[in-house]
Amino acid sequence: MSTVAISVQIPEESLISLKEQPETFARELQMLAAVKLYELGKLSSGRAAQLAGVTRVEFLLALGRYQVSPFALDAETLAEDIANA
């Protein structure tokens, strides 16, 4: 698998405030980006997991920490499914 490196400038004060080391914060930022792109429907769970650097199962289990449902149904679609059941 081919990868691309992207550099992001983070103020040192932000890392100090978060009490994070750069490497730890980089991994968390990668996961946060994957979760948000999945939540927005821009990436499938498999591709989001790939972006986060974890397996698909690990990614789906991690979604709960970020209060994101692993189910792709919005409230309206879910209500329609219930009504049609």
PDB file of N, CA and C in Angstrom:
ATOM      1  N   MET A   1       0.839  -1.172   0.000  1.00  0.00           N
ATOM      2  CA  MET A   1       0.000   0.000   0.000  1.00  0.00           C
ATOM      3  C   MET A   1       0.888   1.240   0.000  1.00  0.00           C
ATOM      4  N   SER A   2       0.615   2.135  -0.884  1.00  0.00           N
ATOM      5  CA  SER A   2       1.351   3.382  -0.993  1.00  0.00           C
ATOM      6  C   SER A   2       0.775   4.405  -0.012  1.00  0.00           C
ATOM      7  N   THR A   3       1.634   5.212   0.587  1.00  0.00           N
ATOM      8  CA  THR A   3       1.181   6.241   1.516  1.00  0.00           C
ATOM      9  C   THR A   3       1.760   7.591   1.128  1.00  0.00           C
ATOM     10  N   VAL A   4       1.124   8.631   1.635  1.00  0.00           N
ATOM     11  CA  VAL A   4       1.562   9.997   1.414  1.00  0.00           C
ATOM     12  C   VAL A   4       1.745  10.642   2.776  1.00  0.00           C
ATOM     13  N   ALA A   5       2.840  11.343   2.983  1.00  0.00           N
ATOM     14  CA  ALA A   5       3.082  12.052   4.245  1.00  0.00           C
ATOM     15  C   ALA A   5       2.501  13.458   4.139  1.00  0.00           C
ATOM     16  N   ILE A   6       1.779  13.858   5.184  1.00  0.00           N
ATOM     17  CA  ILE A   6       1.213  15.205   5.262  1.00  0.00           C
ATOM     18  C   ILE A   6       1.723  15.829   6.544  1.00  0.00           C
ATOM     19  N   SER A   7       2.234  17.032   6.442  1.00  0.00           N
ATOM     20  CA  SER A   7       2.774  17.730   7.604  1.00  0.00           C
ATOM     21  C   SER A   7       1.746  18.740   8.110  1.00  0.00           C
ATOM     22  N   VAL A   8       1.547  18.761   9.433  1.00  0.00           N
ATOM     23  CA  VAL A   8       0.619  19.702  10.055  1.00  0.00           C
ATOM     24  C   VAL A   8       1.375  20.446  11.147  1.00  0.00           C
ATOM     25  N   GLN A   9       1.262  21.750  11.144  1.00  0.00           N
ATOM     26  CA  GLN A   9       1.910  22.569  12.158  1.00  0.00           C
ATOM     27  C   GLN A   9       0.969  22.729  13.347  1.00  0.00           C
ATOM     28  N   ILE A  10       1.428  22.329  14.536  1.00  0.00           N
ATOM     29  CA  ILE A  10       0.644  22.418  15.759  1.00  0.00           C
ATOM     30  C   ILE A  10       1.414  23.302  16.742  1.00  0.00           C
ATOM     31  N   PRO A  11       0.751  24.328  17.271  1.00  0.00           N
ATOM     32  CA  PRO A  11       1.446  25.150  18.269  1.00  0.00           C
ATOM     33  C   PRO A  11       1.852  24.310  19.485  1.00  0.00           C
ATOM     34  N   GLU A  12       3.066  24.487  19.932  1.00  0.00           N
ATOM     35  CA  GLU A  12       3.562  23.727  21.074  1.00  0.00           C
ATOM     36  C   GLU A  12       2.677  23.931  22.298  1.00  0.00           C
ATOM     37  N   GLU A  13       2.119  25.131  22.441  1.00  0.00           N
ATOM     38  CA  GLU A  13       1.244  25.428  23.571  1.00  0.00           C
ATOM     39  C   GLU A  13       0.009  24.524  23.578  1.00  0.00           C
ATOM     40  N   SER A  14      -0.470  24.182  22.386  1.00  0.00           N
ATOM     41  CA  SER A  14      -1.632  23.287  22.297  1.00  0.00           C
ATOM     42  C   SER A  14      -1.285  21.907  22.835  1.00  0.00           C
ATOM     43  N   LEU A  15      -0.119  21.407  22.465  1.00  0.00           N
ATOM     44  CA  LEU A  15       0.317  20.099  22.965  1.00  0.00           C
ATOM     45  C   LEU A  15       0.517  20.132  24.477  1.00  0.00           C
ATOM     46  N   ILE A  16       1.057  21.233  24.974  1.00  0.00           N
ATOM     47  CA  ILE A  16       1.252  21.371  26.417  1.00  0.00           C
ATOM     48  C   ILE A  16      -0.107  21.391  27.123  1.00  0.00           C
ATOM     49  N   SER A  17      -1.054  22.162  26.581  1.00  0.00           N
ATOM     50  CA  SER A  17      -2.397  22.239  27.168  1.00  0.00           C
ATOM     51  C   SER A  17      -3.082  20.881  27.172  1.00  0.00           C
ATOM     52  N   LEU A  18      -2.885  20.114  26.102  1.00  0.00           N
ATOM     53  CA  LEU A  18      -3.491  18.793  25.995  1.00  0.00           C
ATOM     54  C   LEU A  18      -2.702  17.721  26.747  1.00  0.00           C
ATOM     55  N   LYS A  19      -1.508  18.092  27.215  1.00  0.00           N
ATOM     56  CA  LYS A  19      -0.613  17.142  27.892  1.00  0.00           C
ATOM     57  C   LYS A  19      -0.343  15.933  27.000  1.00  0.00           C
ATOM     58  N   GLU A  20      -0.021  16.216  25.742  1.00  0.00           N
ATOM     59  CA  GLU A  20       0.217  15.171  24.742  1.00  0.00           C
ATOM     60  C   GLU A  20       1.641  15.282  24.197  1.00  0.00           C
ATOM     61  N   GLN A  21       2.200  14.138  23.875  1.00  0.00           N
ATOM     62  CA  GLN A  21       3.457  14.080  23.149  1.00  0.00           C
ATOM     63  C   GLN A  21       3.120  14.171  21.653  1.00  0.00           C
ATOM     64  N   PRO A  22       4.009  14.706  20.835  1.00  0.00           N
ATOM     65  CA  PRO A  22       3.715  14.846  19.400  1.00  0.00           C
ATOM     66  C   PRO A  22       3.298  13.541  18.721  1.00  0.00           C
ATOM     67  N   GLU A  23       3.966  12.438  19.033  1.00  0.00           N
ATOM     68  CA  GLU A  23       3.654  11.160  18.383  1.00  0.00           C
ATOM     69  C   GLU A  23       2.257  10.679  18.776  1.00  0.00           C
ATOM     70  N   THR A  24       1.931  10.804  20.045  1.00  0.00           N
ATOM     71  CA  THR A  24       0.608  10.392  20.539  1.00  0.00           C
ATOM     72  C   THR A  24      -0.478  11.261  19.926  1.00  0.00           C
ATOM     73  N   PHE A  25      -0.225  12.559  19.882  1.00  0.00           N
ATOM     74  CA  PHE A  25      -1.204  13.482  19.320  1.00  0.00           C
ATOM     75  C   PHE A  25      -1.399  13.223  17.828  1.00  0.00           C
ATOM     76  N   ALA A  26      -0.342  12.900  17.117  1.00  0.00           N
ATOM     77  CA  ALA A  26      -0.447  12.613  15.684  1.00  0.00           C
ATOM     78  C   ALA A  26      -1.346  11.412  15.440  1.00  0.00           C
ATOM     79  N   ARG A  27      -1.194  10.354  16.248  1.00  0.00           N
ATOM     80  CA  ARG A  27      -2.054   9.169  16.108  1.00  0.00           C
ATOM     81  C   ARG A  27      -3.510   9.504  16.428  1.00  0.00           C
ATOM     82  N   GLU A  28      -3.726  10.310  17.477  1.00  0.00           N
ATOM     83  CA  GLU A  28      -5.085  10.699  17.857  1.00  0.00           C
ATOM     84  C   GLU A  28      -5.718  11.570  16.765  1.00  0.00           C
ATOM     85  N   LEU A  29      -4.940  12.475  16.207  1.00  0.00           N
ATOM     86  CA  LEU A  29      -5.436  13.339  15.138  1.00  0.00           C
ATOM     87  C   LEU A  29      -5.818  12.517  13.914  1.00  0.00           C
ATOM     88  N   GLN A  30      -5.038  11.505  13.621  1.00  0.00           N
ATOM     89  CA  GLN A  30      -5.324  10.599  12.507  1.00  0.00           C
ATOM     90  C   GLN A  30      -6.643   9.859  12.747  1.00  0.00           C
ATOM     91  N   MET A  31      -6.843   9.375  13.980  1.00  0.00           N
ATOM     92  CA  MET A  31      -8.087   8.689  14.319  1.00  0.00           C
ATOM     93  C   MET A  31      -9.269   9.659  14.250  1.00  0.00           C
ATOM     94  N   LEU A  32      -9.096  10.854  14.804  1.00  0.00           N
ATOM     95  CA  LEU A  32     -10.174  11.841  14.782  1.00  0.00           C
ATOM     96  C   LEU A  32     -10.588  12.193  13.353  1.00  0.00           C
ATOM     97  N   ALA A  33      -9.626  12.338  12.472  1.00  0.00           N
ATOM     98  CA  ALA A  33      -9.934  12.629  11.069  1.00  0.00           C
ATOM     99  C   ALA A  33     -10.704  11.478  10.444  1.00  0.00           C
ATOM    100  N   ALA A  34     -10.278  10.257  10.716  1.00  0.00           N
ATOM    101  CA  ALA A  34     -10.956   9.085  10.167  1.00  0.00           C
ATOM    102  C   ALA A  34     -12.389   8.989  10.680  1.00  0.00           C
ATOM    103  N   VAL A  35     -12.589   9.216  11.974  1.00  0.00           N
ATOM    104  CA  VAL A  35     -13.926   9.151  12.571  1.00  0.00           C
ATOM    105  C   VAL A  35     -14.832  10.208  11.955  1.00  0.00           C
ATOM    106  N   LYS A  36     -14.333  11.425  11.838  1.00  0.00           N
ATOM    107  CA  LYS A  36     -15.169  12.501  11.295  1.00  0.00           C
ATOM    108  C   LYS A  36     -15.501  12.261   9.825  1.00  0.00           C
ATOM    109  N   LEU A  37     -14.547  11.815   9.040  1.00  0.00           N
ATOM    110  CA  LEU A  37     -14.815  11.532   7.629  1.00  0.00           C
ATOM    111  C   LEU A  37     -15.799  10.382   7.475  1.00  0.00           C
ATOM    112  N   TYR A  38     -15.722   9.395   8.376  1.00  0.00           N
ATOM    113  CA  TYR A  38     -16.700   8.306   8.374  1.00  0.00           C
ATOM    114  C   TYR A  38     -18.079   8.846   8.755  1.00  0.00           C
ATOM    115  N   GLU A  39     -18.129   9.661   9.796  1.00  0.00           N
ATOM    116  CA  GLU A  39     -19.395  10.227  10.273  1.00  0.00           C
ATOM    117  C   GLU A  39     -20.069  11.063   9.181  1.00  0.00           C
ATOM    118  N   LEU A  40     -19.278  11.781   8.409  1.00  0.00           N
ATOM    119  CA  LEU A  40     -19.811  12.611   7.323  1.00  0.00           C
ATOM    120  C   LEU A  40     -20.176  11.800   6.084  1.00  0.00           C
ATOM    121  N   GLY A  41     -19.852  10.507   6.092  1.00  0.00           N
ATOM    122  CA  GLY A  41     -20.160   9.653   4.954  1.00  0.00           C
ATOM    123  C   GLY A  41     -19.173   9.781   3.815  1.00  0.00           C
ATOM    124  N   LYS A  42     -18.021  10.378   4.081  1.00  0.00           N
ATOM    125  CA  LYS A  42     -17.018  10.561   3.031  1.00  0.00           C
ATOM    126  C   LYS A  42     -16.112   9.342   2.881  1.00  0.00           C
ATOM    127  N   LEU A  43     -16.004   8.531   3.942  1.00  0.00           N
ATOM    128  CA  LEU A  43     -15.209   7.307   3.887  1.00  0.00           C
ATOM    129  C   LEU A  43     -16.025   6.143   4.433  1.00  0.00           C
ATOM    130  N   SER A  44     -15.842   4.983   3.842  1.00  0.00           N
ATOM    131  CA  SER A  44     -16.443   3.765   4.388  1.00  0.00           C
ATOM    132  C   SER A  44     -15.703   3.417   5.675  1.00  0.00           C
ATOM    133  N   SER A  45     -16.257   2.501   6.454  1.00  0.00           N
ATOM    134  CA  SER A  45     -15.593   2.108   7.691  1.00  0.00           C
ATOM    135  C   SER A  45     -14.241   1.457   7.398  1.00  0.00           C
ATOM    136  N   GLY A  46     -14.152   0.723   6.301  1.00  0.00           N
ATOM    137  CA  GLY A  46     -12.890   0.091   5.939  1.00  0.00           C
ATOM    138  C   GLY A  46     -11.815   1.104   5.586  1.00  0.00           C
ATOM    139  N   ARG A  47     -12.190   2.089   4.783  1.00  0.00           N
ATOM    140  CA  ARG A  47     -11.218   3.128   4.393  1.00  0.00           C
ATOM    141  C   ARG A  47     -10.864   4.014   5.579  1.00  0.00           C
ATOM    142  N   ALA A  48     -11.845   4.303   6.426  1.00  0.00           N
ATOM    143  CA  ALA A  48     -11.576   5.111   7.622  1.00  0.00           C
ATOM    144  C   ALA A  48     -10.613   4.369   8.551  1.00  0.00           C
ATOM    145  N   ALA A  49     -10.811   3.064   8.698  1.00  0.00           N
ATOM    146  CA  ALA A  49      -9.910   2.262   9.518  1.00  0.00           C
ATOM    147  C   ALA A  49      -8.498   2.305   8.947  1.00  0.00           C
ATOM    148  N   GLN A  50      -8.414   2.224   7.629  1.00  0.00           N
ATOM    149  CA  GLN A  50      -7.114   2.292   6.960  1.00  0.00           C
ATOM    150  C   GLN A  50      -6.438   3.629   7.262  1.00  0.00           C
ATOM    151  N   LEU A  51      -7.209   4.729   7.184  1.00  0.00           N
ATOM    152  CA  LEU A  51      -6.678   6.050   7.491  1.00  0.00           C
ATOM    153  C   LEU A  51      -6.214   6.133   8.939  1.00  0.00           C
ATOM    154  N   ALA A  52      -6.976   5.526   9.842  1.00  0.00           N
ATOM    155  CA  ALA A  52      -6.643   5.555  11.270  1.00  0.00           C
ATOM    156  C   ALA A  52      -5.488   4.621  11.619  1.00  0.00           C
ATOM    157  N   GLY A  53      -5.169   3.701  10.710  1.00  0.00           N
ATOM    158  CA  GLY A  53      -4.062   2.772  10.969  1.00  0.00           C
ATOM    159  C   GLY A  53      -4.439   1.630  11.897  1.00  0.00           C
ATOM    160  N   VAL A  54      -5.736   1.258  11.878  1.00  0.00           N
ATOM    161  CA  VAL A  54      -6.223   0.153  12.715  1.00  0.00           C
ATOM    162  C   VAL A  54      -7.056  -0.782  11.842  1.00  0.00           C
ATOM    163  N   THR A  55      -7.418  -1.938  12.396  1.00  0.00           N
ATOM    164  CA  THR A  55      -8.290  -2.837  11.657  1.00  0.00           C
ATOM    165  C   THR A  55      -9.709  -2.269  11.638  1.00  0.00           C
ATOM    166  N   ARG A  56     -10.526  -2.778  10.750  1.00  0.00           N
ATOM    167  CA  ARG A  56     -11.915  -2.317  10.655  1.00  0.00           C
ATOM    168  C   ARG A  56     -12.659  -2.576  11.955  1.00  0.00           C
ATOM    169  N   VAL A  57     -12.443  -3.731  12.560  1.00  0.00           N
ATOM    170  CA  VAL A  57     -13.101  -4.066  13.831  1.00  0.00           C
ATOM    171  C   VAL A  57     -12.664  -3.087  14.923  1.00  0.00           C
ATOM    172  N   GLU A  58     -11.376  -2.815  15.011  1.00  0.00           N
ATOM    173  CA  GLU A  58     -10.876  -1.857  16.009  1.00  0.00           C
ATOM    174  C   GLU A  58     -11.486  -0.479  15.782  1.00  0.00           C
ATOM    175  N   PHE A  59     -11.604  -0.080  14.512  1.00  0.00           N
ATOM    176  CA  PHE A  59     -12.189   1.229  14.195  1.00  0.00           C
ATOM    177  C   PHE A  59     -13.652   1.285  14.623  1.00  0.00           C
ATOM    178  N   LEU A  60     -14.417   0.256  14.265  1.00  0.00           N
ATOM    179  CA  LEU A  60     -15.837   0.244  14.626  1.00  0.00           C
ATOM    180  C   LEU A  60     -16.021   0.258  16.138  1.00  0.00           C
ATOM    181  N   LEU A  61     -15.172  -0.457  16.857  1.00  0.00           N
ATOM    182  CA  LEU A  61     -15.255  -0.452  18.319  1.00  0.00           C
ATOM    183  C   LEU A  61     -14.862   0.911  18.896  1.00  0.00           C
ATOM    184  N   ALA A  62     -13.933   1.597  18.251  1.00  0.00           N
ATOM    185  CA  ALA A  62     -13.477   2.905  18.736  1.00  0.00           C
ATOM    186  C   ALA A  62     -14.515   4.004  18.529  1.00  0.00           C
ATOM    187  N   LEU A  63     -15.443   3.816  17.605  1.00  0.00           N
ATOM    188  CA  LEU A  63     -16.435   4.859  17.330  1.00  0.00           C
ATOM    189  C   LEU A  63     -17.209   5.279  18.575  1.00  0.00           C
ATOM    190  N   GLY A  64     -17.466   4.350  19.478  1.00  0.00           N
ATOM    191  CA  GLY A  64     -18.199   4.672  20.699  1.00  0.00           C
ATOM    192  C   GLY A  64     -17.501   5.715  21.552  1.00  0.00           C
ATOM    193  N   ARG A  65     -16.166   5.691  21.561  1.00  0.00           N
ATOM    194  CA  ARG A  65     -15.412   6.695  22.339  1.00  0.00           C
ATOM    195  C   ARG A  65     -15.654   8.105  21.827  1.00  0.00           C
ATOM    196  N   TYR A  66     -16.026   8.203  20.556  1.00  0.00           N
ATOM    197  CA  TYR A  66     -16.235   9.509  19.935  1.00  0.00           C
ATOM    198  C   TYR A  66     -17.721   9.811  19.735  1.00  0.00           C
ATOM    199  N   GLN A  67     -18.562   8.978  20.334  1.00  0.00           N
ATOM    200  CA  GLN A  67     -20.020   9.127  20.271  1.00  0.00           C
ATOM    201  C   GLN A  67     -20.523   9.159  18.831  1.00  0.00           C
ATOM    202  N   VAL A  68     -19.961   8.287  18.010  1.00  0.00           N
ATOM    203  CA  VAL A  68     -20.374   8.133  16.618  1.00  0.00           C
ATOM    204  C   VAL A  68     -20.914   6.725  16.445  1.00  0.00           C
ATOM    205  N   SER A  69     -22.100   6.623  15.881  1.00  0.00           N
ATOM    206  CA  SER A  69     -22.716   5.318  15.682  1.00  0.00           C
ATOM    207  C   SER A  69     -22.059   4.589  14.513  1.00  0.00           C
ATOM    208  N   PRO A  70     -21.844   3.291  14.656  1.00  0.00           N
ATOM    209  CA  PRO A  70     -21.306   2.523  13.535  1.00  0.00           C
ATOM    210  C   PRO A  70     -22.369   2.218  12.484  1.00  0.00           C
ATOM    211  N   PHE A  71     -23.600   2.584  12.769  1.00  0.00           N
ATOM    212  CA  PHE A  71     -24.696   2.338  11.836  1.00  0.00           C
ATOM    213  C   PHE A  71     -24.902   3.565  10.975  1.00  0.00           C
ATOM    214  N   ALA A  72     -25.002   3.366   9.667  1.00  0.00           N
ATOM    215  CA  ALA A  72     -25.047   4.480   8.722  1.00  0.00           C
ATOM    216  C   ALA A  72     -26.458   5.030   8.503  1.00  0.00           C
ATOM    217  N   LEU A  73     -27.404   4.648   9.331  1.00  0.00           N
ATOM    218  CA  LEU A  73     -28.765   5.139   9.151  1.00  0.00           C
ATOM    219  C   LEU A  73     -28.956   6.453   9.893  1.00  0.00           C
ATOM    220  N   ASP A  74     -29.552   7.441   9.209  1.00  0.00           N
ATOM    221  CA  ASP A  74     -29.912   8.663   9.918  1.00  0.00           C
ATOM    222  C   ASP A  74     -31.280   8.458  10.576  1.00  0.00           C
ATOM    223  N   ALA A  75     -31.706   9.395  11.394  1.00  0.00           N
ATOM    224  CA  ALA A  75     -32.941   9.241  12.165  1.00  0.00           C
ATOM    225  C   ALA A  75     -34.156   9.069  11.262  1.00  0.00           C
ATOM    226  N   GLU A  76     -34.203   9.802  10.164  1.00  0.00           N
ATOM    227  CA  GLU A  76     -35.348   9.728   9.244  1.00  0.00           C
ATOM    228  C   GLU A  76     -35.446   8.349   8.586  1.00  0.00           C
ATOM    229  N   THR A  77     -34.319   7.834   8.103  1.00  0.00           N
ATOM    230  CA  THR A  77     -34.295   6.517   7.479  1.00  0.00           C
ATOM    231  C   THR A  77     -34.665   5.431   8.478  1.00  0.00           C
ATOM    232  N   LEU A  78     -34.151   5.558   9.711  1.00  0.00           N
ATOM    233  CA  LEU A  78     -34.473   4.588  10.737  1.00  0.00           C
ATOM    234  C   LEU A  78     -35.962   4.610  11.059  1.00  0.00           C
ATOM    235  N   ALA A  79     -36.552   5.796  11.156  1.00  0.00           N
ATOM    236  CA  ALA A  79     -37.993   5.922  11.432  1.00  0.00           C
ATOM    237  C   ALA A  79     -38.823   5.286  10.308  1.00  0.00           C
ATOM    238  N   GLU A  80     -38.391   5.485   9.066  1.00  0.00           N
ATOM    239  CA  GLU A  80     -39.096   4.883   7.920  1.00  0.00           C
ATOM    240  C   GLU A  80     -38.997   3.358   7.985  1.00  0.00           C
ATOM    241  N   ASP A  81     -37.818   2.842   8.324  1.00  0.00           N
ATOM    242  CA  ASP A  81     -37.646   1.393   8.444  1.00  0.00           C
ATOM    243  C   ASP A  81     -38.533   0.817   9.530  1.00  0.00           C
ATOM    244  N   ILE A  82     -38.642   1.512  10.643  1.00  0.00           N
ATOM    245  CA  ILE A  82     -39.492   1.052  11.740  1.00  0.00           C
ATOM    246  C   ILE A  82     -40.957   1.073  11.320  1.00  0.00           C
ATOM    247  N   ALA A  83     -41.373   2.124  10.630  1.00  0.00           N
ATOM    248  CA  ALA A  83     -42.757   2.253  10.168  1.00  0.00           C
ATOM    249  C   ALA A  83     -43.108   1.174   9.161  1.00  0.00           C
ATOM    250  N   ASN A  84     -42.143   0.760   8.364  1.00  0.00           N
ATOM    251  CA  ASN A  84     -42.387  -0.246   7.345  1.00  0.00           C
ATOM    252  C   ASN A  84     -42.203  -1.674   7.828  1.00  0.00           C
ATOM    253  N   ALA A  85     -41.794  -1.843   9.069  1.00  0.00           N
ATOM    254  CA  ALA A  85     -41.544  -3.188   9.619  1.00  0.00           C
ATOM    255  C   ALA A  85     -42.830  -3.923   9.919  1.00  0.00           C
TER     256      ALA A  85
END
